[in-house]
């Protein structure tokens, strides 16, 4: 019965998304984390199949957003020019609150930005999106002398690399996955705001990986 309900919900959401945008002004309000995640994944399926609809990218949307923003999800991802969340999830203006930094790592500034979107804008979902061929992760794996402020990024990624070295398989690929998972856990346990929102089932955090060659986003367990 649960599977049947999920399938019916998927069909309904697909029909709505193909017709345009699911949510109007105040769109984050009342949207569950599960529906928010499904919206992202359906958009990615359209992107992979080259059936994008480019929602919420017109003059009316711009006008609506002058009244305020209510993004339904937060995406923490890498600054890599090949990874553009609005494009790979087939979304538009005001749909997602995006935080980008090389290696998709988070510091106090990034955590504060997530807190703002979750507590004040009503976003119910955080996706930590790593990606294949990540230069920041590769540099961390290679080691050696890291110049300037880049070292602060590789230092943040190093725990994921250390863990990968004891795992079977490709070290870089495992490090990318580990990094997304560790960042997601750091967000989940961030006190006092984010951890409390998660305990109250008002926020969900999901690690994922984007394959730059296929365009596919895969959720990580």
N, C-alpha and C. Protein backbone atom coordinates (compact mmCIF):
# COMPACT_ATOMS: atom_id res chain seq x y z
N UNK A 1 0.83 -1.21 0.00
CA UNK A 1 0.00 0.00 0.00
C UNK A 1 0.87 1.26 0.00
N UNK A 2 1.95 1.24 0.82
CA UNK A 2 2.84 2.39 0.87
C UNK A 2 3.49 2.64 -0.48
N UNK A 3 3.90 1.54 -1.16
CA UNK A 3 4.52 1.67 -2.49
C UNK A 3 3.53 2.26 -3.47
N UNK A 4 2.27 1.80 -3.41
CA UNK A 4 1.24 2.32 -4.31
C UNK A 4 1.03 3.80 -4.10
N UNK A 5 0.98 4.25 -2.83
CA UNK A 5 0.80 5.68 -2.54
C UNK A 5 1.97 6.49 -3.07
N UNK A 6 3.20 5.96 -2.92
CA UNK A 6 4.39 6.66 -3.42
C UNK A 6 4.35 6.79 -4.94
N UNK A 7 3.89 5.71 -5.61
CA UNK A 7 3.80 5.74 -7.07
C UNK A 7 2.77 6.74 -7.55
N UNK A 8 1.64 6.80 -6.85
CA UNK A 8 0.59 7.75 -7.21
C UNK A 8 1.08 9.17 -7.01
N UNK A 9 1.77 9.41 -5.87
CA UNK A 9 2.32 10.74 -5.59
C UNK A 9 3.31 11.13 -6.67
N UNK A 10 4.14 10.18 -7.10
CA UNK A 10 5.14 10.46 -8.13
C UNK A 10 4.48 10.88 -9.42
N UNK A 11 3.40 10.19 -9.80
CA UNK A 11 2.69 10.53 -11.04
C UNK A 11 2.07 11.92 -10.94
N UNK A 12 1.46 12.22 -9.80
CA UNK A 12 0.83 13.52 -9.61
C UNK A 12 1.86 14.64 -9.69
N UNK A 13 2.99 14.44 -8.99
CA UNK A 13 4.03 15.46 -9.00
C UNK A 13 4.61 15.65 -10.39
N UNK A 14 4.77 14.56 -11.14
CA UNK A 14 5.32 14.66 -12.49
C UNK A 14 4.40 15.49 -13.38
N UNK A 15 3.11 15.24 -13.29
CA UNK A 15 2.15 15.99 -14.10
C UNK A 15 2.19 17.47 -13.75
N UNK A 16 2.23 17.76 -12.44
CA UNK A 16 2.26 19.15 -12.00
C UNK A 16 3.53 19.85 -12.45
N UNK A 17 4.67 19.17 -12.31
CA UNK A 17 5.95 19.78 -12.67
C UNK A 17 6.03 20.05 -14.16
N UNK A 18 5.49 19.13 -14.97
CA UNK A 18 5.54 19.32 -16.41
C UNK A 18 4.67 20.49 -16.84
N UNK A 19 3.71 20.86 -16.02
CA UNK A 19 2.85 21.99 -16.35
C UNK A 19 3.43 23.31 -15.87
N UNK A 20 4.52 23.25 -15.10
CA UNK A 20 5.14 24.49 -14.63
C UNK A 20 5.67 24.33 -13.24
N UNK A 21 5.28 25.23 -12.35
CA UNK A 21 5.80 25.22 -10.98
C UNK A 21 4.78 24.64 -10.03
N UNK A 22 5.26 23.87 -9.07
CA UNK A 22 4.37 23.25 -8.08
C UNK A 22 3.87 24.24 -7.06
N UNK A 23 4.72 25.16 -6.64
CA UNK A 23 4.38 26.04 -5.55
C UNK A 23 4.34 27.49 -6.00
N UNK A 24 3.42 28.23 -5.45
CA UNK A 24 3.33 29.66 -5.73
C UNK A 24 4.04 30.42 -4.62
N UNK A 25 3.73 31.72 -4.46
CA UNK A 25 4.35 32.52 -3.40
C UNK A 25 4.10 31.84 -2.06
N UNK A 26 5.16 31.77 -1.22
CA UNK A 26 5.06 31.04 0.04
C UNK A 26 5.22 29.56 -0.18
N UNK A 27 5.91 29.16 -1.27
CA UNK A 27 5.95 27.77 -1.70
C UNK A 27 6.59 26.82 -0.70
N UNK A 28 7.47 27.30 0.16
CA UNK A 28 8.14 26.39 1.09
C UNK A 28 7.22 26.02 2.25
N UNK A 29 6.22 26.82 2.49
CA UNK A 29 5.35 26.59 3.64
C UNK A 29 4.47 25.36 3.41
N UNK A 30 4.52 24.43 4.35
CA UNK A 30 3.68 23.24 4.26
C UNK A 30 4.23 22.16 3.35
N UNK A 31 5.42 22.37 2.78
CA UNK A 31 6.02 21.38 1.89
C UNK A 31 6.89 20.45 2.72
N UNK A 32 6.64 19.15 2.65
CA UNK A 32 7.44 18.21 3.43
C UNK A 32 8.82 18.03 2.81
N UNK A 33 9.80 17.61 3.61
CA UNK A 33 11.13 17.34 3.06
C UNK A 33 11.09 16.29 1.95
N UNK A 34 10.22 15.30 2.11
CA UNK A 34 10.14 14.23 1.12
C UNK A 34 9.65 14.73 -0.23
N UNK A 35 8.65 15.62 -0.21
CA UNK A 35 8.14 16.17 -1.47
C UNK A 35 9.18 17.10 -2.09
N UNK A 36 9.88 17.86 -1.24
CA UNK A 36 10.93 18.73 -1.74
C UNK A 36 12.01 17.92 -2.45
N UNK A 37 12.41 16.80 -1.83
CA UNK A 37 13.43 15.95 -2.43
C UNK A 37 12.94 15.33 -3.73
N UNK A 38 11.68 14.94 -3.75
CA UNK A 38 11.14 14.34 -4.96
C UNK A 38 11.09 15.36 -6.10
N UNK A 39 10.80 16.59 -5.76
CA UNK A 39 10.78 17.63 -6.79
C UNK A 39 12.18 17.79 -7.41
N UNK A 40 13.20 17.79 -6.56
CA UNK A 40 14.57 17.90 -7.07
C UNK A 40 14.91 16.73 -7.99
N UNK A 41 14.58 15.52 -7.55
CA UNK A 41 14.96 14.34 -8.32
C UNK A 41 14.18 14.24 -9.64
N UNK A 42 12.93 14.67 -9.65
CA UNK A 42 12.17 14.68 -10.89
C UNK A 42 12.76 15.70 -11.87
N UNK A 43 13.19 16.83 -11.34
CA UNK A 43 13.83 17.83 -12.19
C UNK A 43 15.12 17.31 -12.78
N UNK A 44 15.88 16.56 -11.98
CA UNK A 44 17.12 15.98 -12.48
C UNK A 44 16.85 14.94 -13.57
N UNK A 45 15.78 14.18 -13.41
CA UNK A 45 15.42 13.20 -14.45
C UNK A 45 15.11 13.91 -15.77
N UNK A 46 14.41 15.04 -15.69
CA UNK A 46 14.13 15.80 -16.90
C UNK A 46 15.43 16.28 -17.54
N UNK A 47 16.36 16.75 -16.71
CA UNK A 47 17.64 17.24 -17.19
C UNK A 47 18.43 16.14 -17.89
N UNK A 48 18.48 14.97 -17.28
CA UNK A 48 19.23 13.84 -17.84
C UNK A 48 18.64 13.43 -19.19
N UNK A 49 17.31 13.47 -19.29
CA UNK A 49 16.63 13.05 -20.53
C UNK A 49 16.48 14.18 -21.54
N UNK A 50 17.07 15.36 -21.23
CA UNK A 50 16.96 16.53 -22.11
C UNK A 50 15.50 16.91 -22.38
N UNK A 51 14.69 16.82 -21.31
CA UNK A 51 13.28 17.20 -21.40
C UNK A 51 12.98 18.32 -20.40
N UNK A 52 13.91 19.25 -20.28
CA UNK A 52 13.78 20.33 -19.31
C UNK A 52 12.64 21.27 -19.68
N UNK A 53 12.03 21.86 -18.65
CA UNK A 53 10.91 22.78 -18.87
C UNK A 53 11.25 24.21 -18.45
N UNK A 54 12.44 24.41 -17.83
CA UNK A 54 12.88 25.74 -17.42
C UNK A 54 11.79 26.51 -16.67
N UNK A 55 11.29 25.98 -15.54
CA UNK A 55 10.21 26.66 -14.82
C UNK A 55 10.70 27.92 -14.11
N UNK A 56 9.77 28.81 -13.84
CA UNK A 56 10.04 30.00 -13.01
C UNK A 56 11.20 30.85 -13.51
N UNK A 57 11.23 31.08 -14.81
CA UNK A 57 12.30 31.88 -15.39
C UNK A 57 11.74 33.00 -16.28
N UNK A 58 10.59 33.53 -15.90
CA UNK A 58 9.98 34.57 -16.71
C UNK A 58 9.75 35.85 -15.91
N UNK A 59 9.20 36.86 -16.57
CA UNK A 59 8.99 38.16 -15.94
C UNK A 59 8.01 38.07 -14.77
N UNK A 60 6.98 37.24 -14.89
CA UNK A 60 6.03 37.10 -13.80
C UNK A 60 6.71 36.58 -12.54
N UNK A 61 7.59 35.60 -12.72
CA UNK A 61 8.30 35.04 -11.57
C UNK A 61 9.17 36.12 -10.93
N UNK A 62 9.86 36.89 -11.73
CA UNK A 62 10.69 37.97 -11.18
C UNK A 62 9.84 38.92 -10.36
N UNK A 63 8.67 39.25 -10.88
CA UNK A 63 7.78 40.17 -10.16
C UNK A 63 7.27 39.58 -8.87
N UNK A 64 6.91 38.30 -8.90
CA UNK A 64 6.43 37.63 -7.69
C UNK A 64 7.49 37.64 -6.59
N UNK A 65 8.74 37.47 -7.00
CA UNK A 65 9.83 37.36 -6.03
C UNK A 65 10.21 38.70 -5.40
N UNK A 66 9.69 39.80 -5.92
CA UNK A 66 9.95 41.09 -5.27
C UNK A 66 9.25 41.17 -3.92
N UNK A 67 8.26 40.30 -3.70
CA UNK A 67 7.52 40.27 -2.44
C UNK A 67 8.25 39.45 -1.37
N UNK A 68 9.25 38.68 -1.78
CA UNK A 68 9.99 37.85 -0.85
C UNK A 68 10.33 36.51 -1.47
N UNK A 69 11.17 35.75 -0.77
CA UNK A 69 11.58 34.44 -1.28
C UNK A 69 11.22 33.34 -0.29
N UNK A 70 10.84 32.20 -0.84
CA UNK A 70 10.52 31.03 -0.02
C UNK A 70 11.02 29.78 -0.73
N UNK A 71 12.33 29.61 -0.85
CA UNK A 71 12.88 28.43 -1.53
C UNK A 71 12.48 27.14 -0.81
N UNK A 72 12.12 26.13 -1.59
CA UNK A 72 11.64 24.90 -0.96
C UNK A 72 12.78 23.98 -0.51
N UNK A 73 14.01 24.26 -0.95
CA UNK A 73 15.15 23.42 -0.56
C UNK A 73 16.43 24.24 -0.53
N UNK A 74 17.40 23.73 0.20
CA UNK A 74 18.74 24.31 0.28
C UNK A 74 19.70 23.32 -0.37
N UNK A 75 20.57 23.80 -1.24
CA UNK A 75 21.57 22.93 -1.87
C UNK A 75 22.96 23.45 -1.53
N UNK A 76 23.74 22.61 -0.86
CA UNK A 76 25.14 22.93 -0.56
C UNK A 76 25.98 22.17 -1.56
N UNK A 77 26.71 22.87 -2.41
CA UNK A 77 27.46 22.18 -3.45
C UNK A 77 28.77 22.88 -3.75
N UNK A 78 29.50 22.33 -4.71
CA UNK A 78 30.83 22.82 -5.06
C UNK A 78 30.74 24.03 -5.99
N UNK A 79 31.80 24.82 -5.99
CA UNK A 79 31.86 25.99 -6.87
C UNK A 79 32.19 25.62 -8.31
N UNK A 80 32.50 24.35 -8.55
CA UNK A 80 32.87 23.87 -9.88
C UNK A 80 31.88 24.37 -10.94
N UNK A 81 32.40 24.93 -12.03
CA UNK A 81 31.55 25.54 -13.06
C UNK A 81 30.68 24.52 -13.79
N UNK A 82 30.98 23.24 -13.63
CA UNK A 82 30.19 22.19 -14.28
C UNK A 82 29.00 21.74 -13.44
N UNK A 83 28.89 22.32 -12.23
CA UNK A 83 27.85 21.89 -11.29
C UNK A 83 26.96 23.09 -10.94
N UNK A 84 25.88 23.26 -11.67
CA UNK A 84 24.96 24.38 -11.45
C UNK A 84 23.61 23.82 -11.01
N UNK A 85 23.27 23.90 -9.72
CA UNK A 85 22.06 23.25 -9.20
C UNK A 85 20.77 23.62 -9.92
N UNK A 86 20.57 24.90 -10.22
CA UNK A 86 19.32 25.29 -10.88
C UNK A 86 19.18 24.62 -12.24
N UNK A 87 20.31 24.38 -12.91
CA UNK A 87 20.27 23.74 -14.22
C UNK A 87 20.07 22.24 -14.10
N UNK A 88 20.89 21.57 -13.28
CA UNK A 88 20.83 20.11 -13.21
C UNK A 88 19.58 19.60 -12.51
N UNK A 89 18.88 20.47 -11.75
CA UNK A 89 17.59 20.11 -11.16
C UNK A 89 16.43 20.73 -11.94
N UNK A 90 16.72 21.38 -13.05
CA UNK A 90 15.70 22.01 -13.90
C UNK A 90 14.76 22.89 -13.08
N UNK A 91 15.31 23.91 -12.46
CA UNK A 91 14.54 24.81 -11.61
C UNK A 91 14.74 26.25 -12.06
N UNK A 92 14.13 27.17 -11.34
CA UNK A 92 14.22 28.58 -11.73
C UNK A 92 14.47 29.50 -10.56
N UNK A 93 14.14 30.76 -10.76
CA UNK A 93 14.37 31.79 -9.76
C UNK A 93 13.55 31.52 -8.50
N UNK A 94 14.20 31.63 -7.35
CA UNK A 94 13.49 31.51 -6.08
C UNK A 94 13.17 30.10 -5.64
N UNK A 95 13.55 29.09 -6.43
CA UNK A 95 13.20 27.71 -6.08
C UNK A 95 14.10 27.12 -5.01
N UNK A 96 15.40 27.36 -5.11
CA UNK A 96 16.33 26.78 -4.15
C UNK A 96 17.31 27.82 -3.64
N UNK A 97 17.75 27.61 -2.40
CA UNK A 97 18.72 28.47 -1.75
C UNK A 97 20.07 27.76 -1.86
N UNK A 98 20.98 28.32 -2.65
CA UNK A 98 22.21 27.63 -3.00
C UNK A 98 23.42 28.21 -2.26
N UNK A 99 24.21 27.31 -1.68
CA UNK A 99 25.47 27.67 -1.01
C UNK A 99 26.58 26.92 -1.73
N UNK A 100 27.52 27.66 -2.32
CA UNK A 100 28.57 27.02 -3.11
C UNK A 100 29.96 27.41 -2.61
N UNK A 101 30.78 26.39 -2.42
CA UNK A 101 32.18 26.59 -2.06
C UNK A 101 32.94 25.37 -2.56
N UNK A 102 34.19 25.57 -2.98
CA UNK A 102 34.98 24.45 -3.49
C UNK A 102 34.97 23.29 -2.50
N UNK A 103 34.69 22.09 -3.01
CA UNK A 103 34.67 20.91 -2.15
C UNK A 103 33.40 20.74 -1.35
N UNK A 104 32.40 21.59 -1.59
CA UNK A 104 31.14 21.59 -0.84
C UNK A 104 31.32 21.34 0.65
N UNK A 105 32.29 22.07 1.23
CA UNK A 105 32.51 22.01 2.67
C UNK A 105 31.74 23.14 3.34
N UNK A 106 31.55 23.05 4.64
CA UNK A 106 30.81 24.10 5.34
C UNK A 106 31.62 24.62 6.52
N UNK A 107 31.59 25.93 6.71
CA UNK A 107 32.17 26.58 7.88
C UNK A 107 31.04 27.31 8.60
N UNK A 108 31.38 28.16 9.56
CA UNK A 108 30.34 28.87 10.32
C UNK A 108 29.48 29.75 9.42
N UNK A 109 30.10 30.37 8.41
CA UNK A 109 29.33 31.22 7.50
C UNK A 109 28.32 30.41 6.71
N UNK A 110 28.74 29.26 6.23
CA UNK A 110 27.83 28.40 5.47
C UNK A 110 26.71 27.86 6.36
N UNK A 111 27.08 27.45 7.59
CA UNK A 111 26.06 26.96 8.52
C UNK A 111 25.06 28.05 8.87
N UNK A 112 25.55 29.28 9.03
CA UNK A 112 24.65 30.40 9.29
C UNK A 112 23.71 30.64 8.13
N UNK A 113 24.20 30.47 6.92
CA UNK A 113 23.36 30.64 5.73
C UNK A 113 22.28 29.56 5.68
N UNK A 114 22.65 28.33 6.03
CA UNK A 114 21.67 27.24 6.07
C UNK A 114 20.62 27.52 7.14
N UNK A 115 21.07 27.98 8.31
CA UNK A 115 20.15 28.32 9.39
C UNK A 115 19.14 29.38 8.93
N UNK A 116 19.64 30.38 8.23
CA UNK A 116 18.76 31.46 7.76
C UNK A 116 17.68 30.92 6.83
N UNK A 117 18.10 30.09 5.88
CA UNK A 117 17.12 29.56 4.92
C UNK A 117 16.12 28.63 5.59
N UNK A 118 16.61 27.82 6.53
CA UNK A 118 15.73 26.86 7.19
C UNK A 118 14.78 27.52 8.18
N UNK A 119 15.32 28.44 8.99
CA UNK A 119 14.50 29.04 10.06
C UNK A 119 13.66 30.21 9.58
N UNK A 120 14.21 31.03 8.71
CA UNK A 120 13.51 32.27 8.32
C UNK A 120 12.81 32.19 6.97
N UNK A 121 13.32 31.35 6.07
CA UNK A 121 12.69 31.25 4.75
C UNK A 121 11.80 30.02 4.62
N UNK A 122 11.89 29.10 5.57
CA UNK A 122 10.99 27.95 5.59
C UNK A 122 11.45 26.74 4.80
N UNK A 123 12.70 26.72 4.34
CA UNK A 123 13.18 25.56 3.58
C UNK A 123 13.21 24.32 4.47
N UNK A 124 12.75 23.19 3.95
CA UNK A 124 12.62 21.98 4.76
C UNK A 124 13.67 20.91 4.43
N UNK A 125 14.48 21.16 3.42
CA UNK A 125 15.41 20.15 2.96
C UNK A 125 16.78 20.75 2.67
N UNK A 126 17.84 20.05 3.08
CA UNK A 126 19.21 20.41 2.70
C UNK A 126 19.80 19.24 1.92
N UNK A 127 20.26 19.50 0.71
CA UNK A 127 20.98 18.49 -0.06
C UNK A 127 22.44 18.89 -0.14
N UNK A 128 23.32 18.01 0.33
CA UNK A 128 24.76 18.23 0.21
C UNK A 128 25.21 17.49 -1.05
N UNK A 129 25.55 18.25 -2.08
CA UNK A 129 25.79 17.67 -3.39
C UNK A 129 27.27 17.67 -3.77
N UNK A 130 27.91 16.51 -3.60
CA UNK A 130 29.25 16.34 -4.11
C UNK A 130 29.18 16.01 -5.59
N UNK A 131 30.33 15.89 -6.26
CA UNK A 131 30.29 15.57 -7.69
C UNK A 131 31.54 14.83 -8.13
N UNK A 132 31.41 14.07 -9.19
CA UNK A 132 32.54 13.33 -9.74
C UNK A 132 33.59 14.30 -10.27
N UNK A 133 34.82 13.83 -10.35
CA UNK A 133 35.95 14.63 -10.86
C UNK A 133 36.17 15.91 -10.06
N UNK A 134 35.91 15.86 -8.76
CA UNK A 134 36.04 17.07 -7.93
C UNK A 134 37.52 17.41 -7.73
N UNK A 135 37.93 18.58 -8.18
CA UNK A 135 39.31 19.00 -8.08
C UNK A 135 39.78 19.19 -6.66
N UNK A 136 38.90 19.70 -5.81
CA UNK A 136 39.28 19.93 -4.41
C UNK A 136 39.56 18.61 -3.70
N UNK A 137 38.74 17.62 -3.97
CA UNK A 137 38.96 16.30 -3.37
C UNK A 137 40.22 15.66 -3.93
N UNK A 138 40.40 15.76 -5.24
CA UNK A 138 41.59 15.18 -5.87
C UNK A 138 42.86 15.80 -5.30
N UNK A 139 42.85 17.12 -5.10
CA UNK A 139 44.03 17.81 -4.54
C UNK A 139 44.31 17.33 -3.12
N UNK A 140 43.26 17.05 -2.37
CA UNK A 140 43.43 16.57 -0.99
C UNK A 140 44.03 15.17 -0.99
N UNK A 141 43.56 14.33 -1.92
CA UNK A 141 44.09 12.98 -2.02
C UNK A 141 45.57 13.00 -2.41
N UNK A 142 45.92 13.88 -3.35
CA UNK A 142 47.31 13.97 -3.82
C UNK A 142 48.25 14.48 -2.73
N UNK A 143 47.75 15.35 -1.86
CA UNK A 143 48.54 15.86 -0.75
C UNK A 143 49.62 16.81 -1.21
N UNK A 144 50.69 16.91 -0.45
CA UNK A 144 51.75 17.84 -0.79
C UNK A 144 51.45 19.22 -0.24
N UNK A 145 52.28 20.19 -0.64
CA UNK A 145 52.10 21.55 -0.15
C UNK A 145 50.93 22.22 -0.85
N UNK A 146 50.00 22.75 -0.08
CA UNK A 146 48.82 23.43 -0.61
C UNK A 146 48.97 24.92 -0.35
N UNK A 147 48.94 25.75 -1.38
CA UNK A 147 49.19 27.18 -1.20
C UNK A 147 47.99 27.96 -0.67
N UNK A 148 48.28 29.06 -0.01
CA UNK A 148 47.27 30.04 0.38
C UNK A 148 46.10 29.49 1.17
N UNK A 149 44.94 30.09 0.93
CA UNK A 149 43.72 29.71 1.65
C UNK A 149 43.12 28.42 1.14
N UNK A 150 43.66 27.89 0.02
CA UNK A 150 43.16 26.62 -0.49
C UNK A 150 43.34 25.53 0.57
N UNK A 151 44.36 25.67 1.40
CA UNK A 151 44.63 24.66 2.43
C UNK A 151 43.47 24.51 3.40
N UNK A 152 42.74 25.60 3.66
CA UNK A 152 41.60 25.48 4.58
C UNK A 152 40.53 24.56 4.00
N UNK A 153 40.43 24.51 2.67
CA UNK A 153 39.46 23.63 2.02
C UNK A 153 39.93 22.19 2.08
N UNK A 154 41.21 21.96 1.73
CA UNK A 154 41.71 20.58 1.77
C UNK A 154 41.76 20.03 3.19
N UNK A 155 42.01 20.90 4.16
CA UNK A 155 41.99 20.46 5.57
C UNK A 155 40.60 19.96 5.95
N UNK A 156 39.56 20.66 5.43
CA UNK A 156 38.19 20.27 5.74
C UNK A 156 37.82 18.94 5.08
N UNK A 157 38.42 18.67 3.93
CA UNK A 157 38.12 17.45 3.17
C UNK A 157 38.93 16.25 3.68
N UNK A 158 40.05 16.51 4.35
CA UNK A 158 40.99 15.46 4.74
C UNK A 158 40.36 14.30 5.52
N UNK A 159 39.42 14.53 6.46
CA UNK A 159 38.82 13.39 7.16
C UNK A 159 38.13 12.41 6.21
N UNK A 160 37.53 12.92 5.14
CA UNK A 160 36.88 12.05 4.16
C UNK A 160 37.90 11.22 3.41
N UNK A 161 39.05 11.83 3.11
CA UNK A 161 40.13 11.13 2.41
C UNK A 161 40.76 10.08 3.32
N UNK A 162 41.00 10.42 4.57
CA UNK A 162 41.57 9.47 5.53
C UNK A 162 40.68 8.23 5.65
N UNK A 163 39.39 8.45 5.66
CA UNK A 163 38.46 7.33 5.75
C UNK A 163 38.50 6.48 4.48
N UNK A 164 38.61 7.14 3.33
CA UNK A 164 38.61 6.43 2.06
C UNK A 164 39.82 5.53 1.88
N UNK A 165 40.94 5.91 2.49
CA UNK A 165 42.17 5.14 2.35
C UNK A 165 42.07 3.75 2.99
N UNK A 166 41.10 3.57 3.86
CA UNK A 166 40.91 2.26 4.49
C UNK A 166 39.75 1.50 3.84
N UNK A 167 39.17 2.07 2.78
CA UNK A 167 38.05 1.44 2.09
C UNK A 167 38.51 0.82 0.77
N UNK A 168 37.79 -0.20 0.32
CA UNK A 168 38.11 -0.78 -0.98
C UNK A 168 37.53 0.10 -2.08
N UNK A 169 38.14 0.04 -3.26
CA UNK A 169 37.65 0.85 -4.38
C UNK A 169 38.52 2.06 -4.62
N UNK A 170 38.05 2.92 -5.51
CA UNK A 170 38.80 4.12 -5.91
C UNK A 170 38.83 5.13 -4.76
N UNK A 171 40.02 5.58 -4.41
CA UNK A 171 40.18 6.48 -3.26
C UNK A 171 39.49 7.83 -3.51
N UNK A 172 39.63 8.38 -4.70
CA UNK A 172 39.03 9.68 -4.98
C UNK A 172 37.51 9.59 -4.96
N UNK A 173 36.96 8.58 -5.63
CA UNK A 173 35.50 8.43 -5.66
C UNK A 173 34.94 8.20 -4.27
N UNK A 174 35.61 7.35 -3.49
CA UNK A 174 35.16 7.12 -2.12
C UNK A 174 35.27 8.38 -1.27
N UNK A 175 36.31 9.16 -1.53
CA UNK A 175 36.49 10.41 -0.78
C UNK A 175 35.38 11.40 -1.09
N UNK A 176 34.96 11.46 -2.34
CA UNK A 176 33.87 12.35 -2.74
C UNK A 176 32.59 11.99 -2.00
N UNK A 177 32.29 10.69 -1.96
CA UNK A 177 31.09 10.22 -1.26
C UNK A 177 31.22 10.47 0.25
N UNK A 178 32.37 10.13 0.81
CA UNK A 178 32.58 10.33 2.24
C UNK A 178 32.43 11.80 2.62
N UNK A 179 32.98 12.66 1.78
CA UNK A 179 32.94 14.09 2.06
C UNK A 179 31.51 14.60 2.13
N UNK A 180 30.68 14.20 1.16
CA UNK A 180 29.28 14.63 1.16
C UNK A 180 28.56 14.12 2.41
N UNK A 181 28.85 12.88 2.79
CA UNK A 181 28.21 12.30 3.97
C UNK A 181 28.66 12.99 5.25
N UNK A 182 29.96 13.28 5.36
CA UNK A 182 30.48 13.92 6.56
C UNK A 182 29.97 15.35 6.70
N UNK A 183 29.88 16.05 5.56
CA UNK A 183 29.32 17.42 5.60
C UNK A 183 27.86 17.38 6.01
N UNK A 184 27.13 16.41 5.48
CA UNK A 184 25.72 16.27 5.85
C UNK A 184 25.58 16.02 7.35
N UNK A 185 26.46 15.19 7.90
CA UNK A 185 26.41 14.91 9.34
C UNK A 185 26.78 16.15 10.15
N UNK A 186 27.72 16.93 9.66
CA UNK A 186 28.10 18.17 10.35
C UNK A 186 26.91 19.13 10.40
N UNK A 187 26.14 19.17 9.33
CA UNK A 187 24.95 20.03 9.30
C UNK A 187 23.90 19.49 10.27
N UNK A 188 23.68 18.19 10.26
CA UNK A 188 22.67 17.58 11.14
C UNK A 188 22.95 17.84 12.61
N UNK A 189 24.22 17.88 12.98
CA UNK A 189 24.59 18.00 14.38
C UNK A 189 24.99 19.42 14.77
N UNK A 190 24.72 20.37 13.88
CA UNK A 190 25.06 21.76 14.17
C UNK A 190 24.10 22.35 15.19
N UNK A 191 24.65 22.79 16.31
CA UNK A 191 23.84 23.38 17.38
C UNK A 191 23.86 24.90 17.27
N UNK A 192 22.83 25.59 17.73
CA UNK A 192 21.63 24.99 18.34
C UNK A 192 20.47 24.83 17.36
N UNK A 193 20.52 25.52 16.23
CA UNK A 193 19.33 25.64 15.37
C UNK A 193 19.07 24.41 14.53
N UNK A 194 20.04 23.98 13.74
CA UNK A 194 19.79 22.91 12.76
C UNK A 194 19.50 21.58 13.44
N UNK A 195 20.26 21.24 14.46
CA UNK A 195 20.02 19.99 15.18
C UNK A 195 18.61 19.96 15.76
N UNK A 196 18.15 21.09 16.28
CA UNK A 196 16.81 21.15 16.87
C UNK A 196 15.73 21.02 15.81
N UNK A 197 15.92 21.67 14.66
CA UNK A 197 14.95 21.56 13.57
C UNK A 197 14.82 20.12 13.10
N UNK A 198 15.93 19.41 13.04
CA UNK A 198 15.91 18.01 12.62
C UNK A 198 15.20 17.15 13.65
N UNK A 199 15.45 17.39 14.93
CA UNK A 199 14.78 16.63 15.99
C UNK A 199 13.27 16.84 15.93
N UNK A 200 12.86 18.02 15.51
CA UNK A 200 11.43 18.34 15.43
C UNK A 200 10.83 17.94 14.08
N UNK A 201 11.62 17.23 13.25
CA UNK A 201 11.17 16.79 11.93
C UNK A 201 10.77 17.95 11.01
N UNK A 202 11.43 19.08 11.21
CA UNK A 202 11.17 20.26 10.40
C UNK A 202 12.24 20.45 9.31
N UNK A 203 13.24 19.58 9.33
CA UNK A 203 14.33 19.70 8.37
C UNK A 203 14.94 18.32 8.13
N UNK A 204 15.29 18.06 6.86
CA UNK A 204 15.96 16.81 6.51
C UNK A 204 17.23 17.15 5.75
N UNK A 205 18.30 16.37 5.99
CA UNK A 205 19.57 16.57 5.29
C UNK A 205 19.90 15.32 4.51
N UNK A 206 20.18 15.47 3.21
CA UNK A 206 20.45 14.32 2.35
C UNK A 206 21.74 14.52 1.56
N UNK A 207 22.73 13.64 1.73
CA UNK A 207 23.93 13.71 0.90
C UNK A 207 23.68 13.09 -0.46
N UNK A 208 24.33 13.62 -1.49
CA UNK A 208 24.13 13.11 -2.84
C UNK A 208 25.38 13.37 -3.67
N UNK A 209 25.44 12.72 -4.83
CA UNK A 209 26.57 12.92 -5.74
C UNK A 209 26.06 13.15 -7.15
N UNK A 210 26.64 14.13 -7.82
CA UNK A 210 26.31 14.46 -9.21
C UNK A 210 27.39 13.91 -10.12
N UNK A 211 26.99 13.16 -11.13
CA UNK A 211 27.93 12.62 -12.11
C UNK A 211 28.00 13.61 -13.28
N UNK A 212 29.14 14.26 -13.46
CA UNK A 212 29.22 15.31 -14.48
C UNK A 212 29.17 14.75 -15.89
N UNK A 213 29.42 13.45 -16.06
CA UNK A 213 29.38 12.87 -17.41
C UNK A 213 27.98 12.44 -17.82
N UNK A 214 27.17 11.95 -16.88
CA UNK A 214 25.81 11.50 -17.20
C UNK A 214 24.75 12.52 -16.84
N UNK A 215 25.07 13.44 -15.91
CA UNK A 215 24.10 14.41 -15.45
C UNK A 215 23.22 13.91 -14.33
N UNK A 216 23.46 12.69 -13.88
CA UNK A 216 22.60 12.06 -12.89
C UNK A 216 23.00 12.39 -11.45
N UNK A 217 22.01 12.71 -10.64
CA UNK A 217 22.20 12.89 -9.20
C UNK A 217 21.78 11.61 -8.50
N UNK A 218 22.67 11.09 -7.65
CA UNK A 218 22.38 9.87 -6.90
C UNK A 218 22.42 10.17 -5.42
N UNK A 219 21.38 9.78 -4.70
CA UNK A 219 21.34 9.96 -3.25
C UNK A 219 22.27 8.94 -2.61
N UNK A 220 22.97 9.38 -1.56
CA UNK A 220 23.94 8.53 -0.87
C UNK A 220 23.36 8.03 0.45
N UNK A 221 23.64 6.80 0.78
CA UNK A 221 23.14 6.23 2.03
C UNK A 221 24.19 6.34 3.12
